Amino acid sequence: MRRHIYTCLISCFALLLNGCGIYNFSGASTGTATSFQVNFFPNYADQSPGSTIEPQLDRDFTNALQDLITNLTSLSLTGSNGDLVYEGEIVEYRVSPMSATADQTAAQNRLTMSVNVRFYNKTKEDSDFEQRFSFFYDFPDTQLLESVKAEAHEVLFERITQDIFNASLADW
């Protein structure tokens, strides 16, 4: 009797997994793609008025996008000929004052980062796109960017990479 119950449970579990098809818990739909590549995202922010160059931002952002896709899909990361290709450039990285105090000084600053992304899906070409993704991080004027940079980059990278992932692979 016990053996029959175990067999029944295992069969039900196998059917459940089989029914999930190409979808996973992240909501990603990779179709027939098996690999992806994330080309280096160079930092061209200095070409945007008011933006600055942040050393290693390009490397850190590229790695963050690779890590997110690796963690949320079963796709293999490759250096070339990926079924899915992400490329682009960082086009904005600037700190701006957001609100003023009574004596006309900044009470809060905003760090804004924007990335231009080109996505190519070799298995489903009608899903290719080029789009700009942007997000911001607010911090008090009493703090220097250097003191909040690690947290700011974590927030910016998480939001921008998630938006890129959703635009390219989320099938909602």
C-alpha atoms as a PDB file:
ATOM      1  CA  MET A   1       0.000   0.000   0.000  1.00  0.00           C
ATOM      2  CA  ARG A   2       2.772   2.433   0.969  1.00  0.00           C
ATOM      3  CA  ARG A   3       4.699   1.639  -2.200  1.00  0.00           C
ATOM      4  CA  HIS A   4       1.585   2.377  -4.275  1.00  0.00           C
ATOM      5  CA  ILE A   5       1.210   5.811  -2.625  1.00  0.00           C
ATOM      6  CA  TYR A   6       4.857   6.680  -3.297  1.00  0.00           C
ATOM      7  CA  THR A   7       4.512   5.622  -6.929  1.00  0.00           C
ATOM      8  CA  CYS A   8       1.392   7.752  -7.298  1.00  0.00           C
ATOM      9  CA  LEU A   9       3.082  10.801  -5.719  1.00  0.00           C
ATOM     10  CA  ILE A  10       6.149  10.469  -7.926  1.00  0.00           C
ATOM     11  CA  SER A  11       3.969  10.182 -11.028  1.00  0.00           C
ATOM     12  CA  CYS A  12       1.974  13.290 -10.077  1.00  0.00           C
ATOM     13  CA  PHE A  13       5.166  15.245  -9.441  1.00  0.00           C
ATOM     14  CA  ALA A  14       6.603  14.182 -12.813  1.00  0.00           C
ATOM     15  CA  LEU A  15       3.414  15.295 -14.597  1.00  0.00           C
ATOM     16  CA  LEU A  16       3.493  18.615 -12.789  1.00  0.00           C
ATOM     17  CA  LEU A  17       7.093  19.283 -13.855  1.00  0.00           C
ATOM     18  CA  ASN A  18       6.361  18.226 -17.417  1.00  0.00           C
ATOM     19  CA  GLY A  19       3.396  20.611 -17.579  1.00  0.00           C
ATOM     20  CA  CYS A  20       5.578  23.594 -16.703  1.00  0.00           C
ATOM     21  CA  GLY A  21       7.224  23.436 -20.131  1.00  0.00           C
ATOM     22  CA  ILE A  22       9.609  26.278 -20.906  1.00  0.00           C
ATOM     23  CA  TYR A  23       8.427  28.505 -18.090  1.00  0.00           C
ATOM     24  CA  ASN A  24      10.085  28.847 -14.737  1.00  0.00           C
ATOM     25  CA  PHE A  25       9.437  30.638 -11.464  1.00  0.00           C
ATOM     26  CA  SER A  26      11.101  33.849 -12.673  1.00  0.00           C
ATOM     27  CA  GLY A  27       8.491  34.264 -15.400  1.00  0.00           C
ATOM     28  CA  ALA A  28      11.155  33.975 -18.097  1.00  0.00           C
ATOM     29  CA  SER A  29      10.269  32.523 -21.454  1.00  0.00           C
ATOM     30  CA  THR A  30      13.477  31.530 -23.213  1.00  0.00           C
ATOM     31  CA  GLY A  31      11.782  29.627 -26.023  1.00  0.00           C
ATOM     32  CA  THR A  32      14.280  27.433 -27.849  1.00  0.00           C
ATOM     33  CA  ALA A  33      17.285  29.516 -26.811  1.00  0.00           C
ATOM     34  CA  THR A  34      19.976  27.638 -24.916  1.00  0.00           C
ATOM     35  CA  SER A  35      22.674  30.294 -24.530  1.00  0.00           C
ATOM     36  CA  PHE A  36      23.138  34.014 -24.041  1.00  0.00           C
ATOM     37  CA  GLN A  37      25.945  36.508 -24.257  1.00  0.00           C
ATOM     38  CA  VAL A  38      26.316  39.897 -22.622  1.00  0.00           C
ATOM     39  CA  ASN A  39      28.795  42.030 -24.497  1.00  0.00           C
ATOM     40  CA  PHE A  40      30.802  44.582 -22.526  1.00  0.00           C
ATOM     41  CA  PHE A  41      28.784  47.755 -21.811  1.00  0.00           C
ATOM     42  CA  PRO A  42      31.280  50.621 -22.262  1.00  0.00           C
ATOM     43  CA  ASN A  43      30.781  53.775 -20.233  1.00  0.00           C
ATOM     44  CA  TYR A  44      30.045  56.709 -22.553  1.00  0.00           C
ATOM     45  CA  ALA A  45      28.399  58.797 -19.840  1.00  0.00           C
ATOM     46  CA  ASP A  46      30.959  61.585 -20.269  1.00  0.00           C
ATOM     47  CA  GLN A  47      29.360  62.339 -23.659  1.00  0.00           C
ATOM     48  CA  SER A  48      26.140  63.386 -21.884  1.00  0.00           C
ATOM     49  CA  PRO A  49      26.258  66.935 -20.430  1.00  0.00           C
ATOM     50  CA  GLY A  50      26.515  66.851 -16.649  1.00  0.00           C
ATOM     51  CA  SER A  51      27.458  63.169 -16.497  1.00  0.00           C
ATOM     52  CA  THR A  52      30.707  61.839 -15.121  1.00  0.00           C
ATOM     53  CA  ILE A  53      32.792  58.732 -15.664  1.00  0.00           C
ATOM     54  CA  GLU A  54      32.788  56.294 -12.774  1.00  0.00           C
ATOM     55  CA  PRO A  55      35.742  53.873 -12.884  1.00  0.00           C
ATOM     56  CA  GLN A  56      34.763  50.203 -13.178  1.00  0.00           C
ATOM     57  CA  LEU A  57      31.053  51.038 -13.613  1.00  0.00           C
ATOM     58  CA  ASP A  58      31.078  49.410 -17.054  1.00  0.00           C
ATOM     59  CA  ARG A  59      32.608  46.170 -15.775  1.00  0.00           C
ATOM     60  CA  ASP A  60      30.382  46.012 -12.691  1.00  0.00           C
ATOM     61  CA  PHE A  61      27.196  46.632 -14.682  1.00  0.00           C
ATOM     62  CA  THR A  62      28.097  44.041 -17.335  1.00  0.00           C
ATOM     63  CA  ASN A  63      28.742  41.466 -14.594  1.00  0.00           C
ATOM     64  CA  ALA A  64      25.477  42.329 -12.811  1.00  0.00           C
ATOM     65  CA  LEU A  65      23.460  41.709 -15.993  1.00  0.00           C
ATOM     66  CA  GLN A  66      25.270  38.413 -16.642  1.00  0.00           C
ATOM     67  CA  ASP A  67      24.669  37.290 -13.055  1.00  0.00           C
ATOM     68  CA  LEU A  68      20.955  38.124 -13.121  1.00  0.00           C
ATOM     69  CA  ILE A  69      20.288  36.194 -16.340  1.00  0.00           C
ATOM     70  CA  THR A  70      22.389  33.266 -15.136  1.00  0.00           C
ATOM     71  CA  ASN A  71      20.507  33.140 -11.830  1.00  0.00           C
ATOM     72  CA  LEU A  72      17.003  33.463 -13.290  1.00  0.00           C
ATOM     73  CA  THR A  73      17.282  31.163 -16.299  1.00  0.00           C
ATOM     74  CA  SER A  74      18.827  27.864 -17.284  1.00  0.00           C
ATOM     75  CA  LEU A  75      20.625  29.495 -20.227  1.00  0.00           C
ATOM     76  CA  SER A  76      24.376  29.035 -20.613  1.00  0.00           C
ATOM     77  CA  LEU A  77      26.571  32.127 -20.676  1.00  0.00           C
ATOM     78  CA  THR A  78      28.816  32.220 -23.734  1.00  0.00           C
ATOM     79  CA  GLY A  79      31.366  34.687 -25.059  1.00  0.00           C
ATOM     80  CA  SER A  80      30.163  34.540 -28.671  1.00  0.00           C
ATOM     81  CA  ASN A  81      27.352  33.222 -30.866  1.00  0.00           C
ATOM     82  CA  GLY A  82      24.751  33.249 -28.089  1.00  0.00           C
ATOM     83  CA  ASP A  83      21.131  32.655 -29.000  1.00  0.00           C
ATOM     84  CA  LEU A  84      20.314  35.804 -27.031  1.00  0.00           C
ATOM     85  CA  VAL A  85      22.654  38.788 -27.271  1.00  0.00           C
ATOM     86  CA  TYR A  86      22.694  41.835 -25.004  1.00  0.00           C
ATOM     87  CA  GLU A  87      24.833  44.810 -25.944  1.00  0.00           C
ATOM     88  CA  GLY A  88      24.818  48.532 -25.394  1.00  0.00           C
ATOM     89  CA  GLU A  89      26.447  51.319 -23.464  1.00  0.00           C
ATOM     90  CA  ILE A  90      26.106  53.339 -20.283  1.00  0.00           C
ATOM     91  CA  VAL A  91      24.939  56.753 -21.489  1.00  0.00           C
ATOM     92  CA  GLU A  92      24.292  58.682 -18.275  1.00  0.00           C
ATOM     93  CA  TYR A  93      25.744  58.766 -14.773  1.00  0.00           C
ATOM     94  CA  ARG A  94      25.060  62.048 -13.011  1.00  0.00           C
ATOM     95  CA  VAL A  95      24.391  63.554  -9.609  1.00  0.00           C
ATOM     96  CA  SER A  96      21.800  66.359  -9.514  1.00  0.00           C
ATOM     97  CA  PRO A  97      20.356  68.396  -6.667  1.00  0.00           C
ATOM     98  CA  MET A  98      16.711  67.431  -6.051  1.00  0.00           C
ATOM     99  CA  SER A  99      15.284  69.747  -3.413  1.00  0.00           C
ATOM    100  CA  ALA A 100      16.461  73.014  -1.909  1.00  0.00           C
ATOM    101  CA  THR A 101      16.559  74.331   1.629  1.00  0.00           C
ATOM    102  CA  ALA A 102      15.499  77.841   2.698  1.00  0.00           C
ATOM    103  CA  ASP A 103      19.035  79.143   2.072  1.00  0.00           C
ATOM    104  CA  GLN A 104      19.040  77.750  -1.512  1.00  0.00           C
ATOM    105  CA  THR A 105      21.338  74.776  -0.926  1.00  0.00           C
ATOM    106  CA  ALA A 106      20.577  71.194  -1.937  1.00  0.00           C
ATOM    107  CA  ALA A 107      18.782  69.123   0.688  1.00  0.00           C
ATOM    108  CA  GLN A 108      18.841  65.955  -1.364  1.00  0.00           C
ATOM    109  CA  ASN A 109      20.834  64.678  -4.312  1.00  0.00           C
ATOM    110  CA  ARG A 110      19.867  62.185  -6.990  1.00  0.00           C
ATOM    111  CA  LEU A 111      22.249  59.806  -8.739  1.00  0.00           C
ATOM    112  CA  THR A 112      20.806  58.822 -12.120  1.00  0.00           C
ATOM    113  CA  MET A 113      22.124  56.061 -14.350  1.00  0.00           C
ATOM    114  CA  SER A 114      20.902  55.284 -17.878  1.00  0.00           C
ATOM    115  CA  VAL A 115      21.846  52.397 -20.136  1.00  0.00           C
ATOM    116  CA  ASN A 116      21.068  51.998 -23.823  1.00  0.00           C
ATOM    117  CA  VAL A 117      20.452  48.300 -24.616  1.00  0.00           C
ATOM    118  CA  ARG A 118      20.203  46.400 -27.878  1.00  0.00           C
ATOM    119  CA  PHE A 119      18.735  42.909 -27.537  1.00  0.00           C
ATOM    120  CA  TYR A 120      18.871  40.271 -30.275  1.00  0.00           C
ATOM    121  CA  ASN A 121      17.075  36.940 -30.108  1.00  0.00           C
ATOM    122  CA  LYS A 122      18.408  34.677 -32.866  1.00  0.00           C
ATOM    123  CA  THR A 123      15.601  32.165 -32.247  1.00  0.00           C
ATOM    124  CA  LYS A 124      12.765  34.735 -32.380  1.00  0.00           C
ATOM    125  CA  GLU A 125      13.833  37.834 -34.303  1.00  0.00           C
ATOM    126  CA  ASP A 126      10.552  39.703 -33.835  1.00  0.00           C
ATOM    127  CA  SER A 127      11.493  40.174 -30.168  1.00  0.00           C
ATOM    128  CA  ASP A 128      14.654  42.201 -30.930  1.00  0.00           C
ATOM    129  CA  PHE A 129      14.686  45.739 -29.534  1.00  0.00           C
ATOM    130  CA  GLU A 130      16.754  48.789 -28.703  1.00  0.00           C
ATOM    131  CA  GLN A 131      15.681  50.654 -25.588  1.00  0.00           C
ATOM    132  CA  ARG A 132      17.007  53.007 -22.921  1.00  0.00           C
ATOM    133  CA  PHE A 133      16.700  51.931 -19.276  1.00  0.00           C
ATOM    134  CA  SER A 134      17.168  54.357 -16.416  1.00  0.00           C
ATOM    135  CA  PHE A 135      16.815  54.527 -12.659  1.00  0.00           C
ATOM    136  CA  PHE A 136      17.881  56.796  -9.798  1.00  0.00           C
ATOM    137  CA  TYR A 137      19.061  56.727  -6.200  1.00  0.00           C
ATOM    138  CA  ASP A 138      18.335  59.628  -3.833  1.00  0.00           C
ATOM    139  CA  PHE A 139      20.642  60.469  -0.929  1.00  0.00           C
ATOM    140  CA  PRO A 140      20.941  63.351   1.567  1.00  0.00           C
ATOM    141  CA  ASP A 141      23.169  66.291   0.753  1.00  0.00           C
ATOM    142  CA  THR A 142      25.017  65.637   4.002  1.00  0.00           C
ATOM    143  CA  GLN A 143      26.529  62.504   2.447  1.00  0.00           C
ATOM    144  CA  LEU A 144      29.089  62.319  -0.313  1.00  0.00           C
ATOM    145  CA  LEU A 145      28.516  60.033  -3.271  1.00  0.00           C
ATOM    146  CA  GLU A 146      31.567  58.022  -2.213  1.00  0.00           C
ATOM    147  CA  SER A 147      29.895  57.098   1.090  1.00  0.00           C
ATOM    148  CA  VAL A 148      26.682  55.805  -0.558  1.00  0.00           C
ATOM    149  CA  LYS A 149      28.130  54.507  -3.828  1.00  0.00           C
ATOM    150  CA  ALA A 150      28.075  50.794  -2.966  1.00  0.00           C
ATOM    151  CA  GLU A 151      24.424  50.871  -1.905  1.00  0.00           C
ATOM    152  CA  ALA A 152      23.494  53.181  -4.789  1.00  0.00           C
ATOM    153  CA  HIS A 153      25.067  50.890  -7.378  1.00  0.00           C
ATOM    154  CA  GLU A 154      23.353  47.869  -5.859  1.00  0.00           C
ATOM    155  CA  VAL A 155      19.951  49.584  -6.142  1.00  0.00           C
ATOM    156  CA  LEU A 156      20.614  50.955  -9.639  1.00  0.00           C
ATOM    157  CA  PHE A 157      21.985  47.686 -11.024  1.00  0.00           C
ATOM    158  CA  GLU A 158      19.174  45.619  -9.489  1.00  0.00           C
ATOM    159  CA  ARG A 159      16.440  47.793 -10.964  1.00  0.00           C
ATOM    160  CA  ILE A 160      17.982  48.375 -14.392  1.00  0.00           C
ATOM    161  CA  THR A 161      19.030  44.747 -14.940  1.00  0.00           C
ATOM    162  CA  GLN A 162      15.586  43.546 -13.798  1.00  0.00           C
ATOM    163  CA  ASP A 163      13.922  45.953 -16.250  1.00  0.00           C
ATOM    164  CA  ILE A 164      16.188  44.669 -19.066  1.00  0.00           C
ATOM    165  CA  PHE A 165      15.395  41.070 -18.109  1.00  0.00           C
ATOM    166  CA  ASN A 166      11.649  41.781 -18.069  1.00  0.00           C
ATOM    167  CA  ALA A 167      11.758  43.542 -21.451  1.00  0.00           C
ATOM    168  CA  SER A 168      13.705  40.710 -23.082  1.00  0.00           C
ATOM    169  CA  LEU A 169      12.505  37.520 -21.396  1.00  0.00           C
ATOM    170  CA  ALA A 170       9.422  38.050 -19.240  1.00  0.00           C
ATOM    171  CA  ASP A 171       6.403  36.626 -20.981  1.00  0.00           C
ATOM    172  CA  TRP A 172       3.578  38.135 -18.975  1.00  0.00           C
END
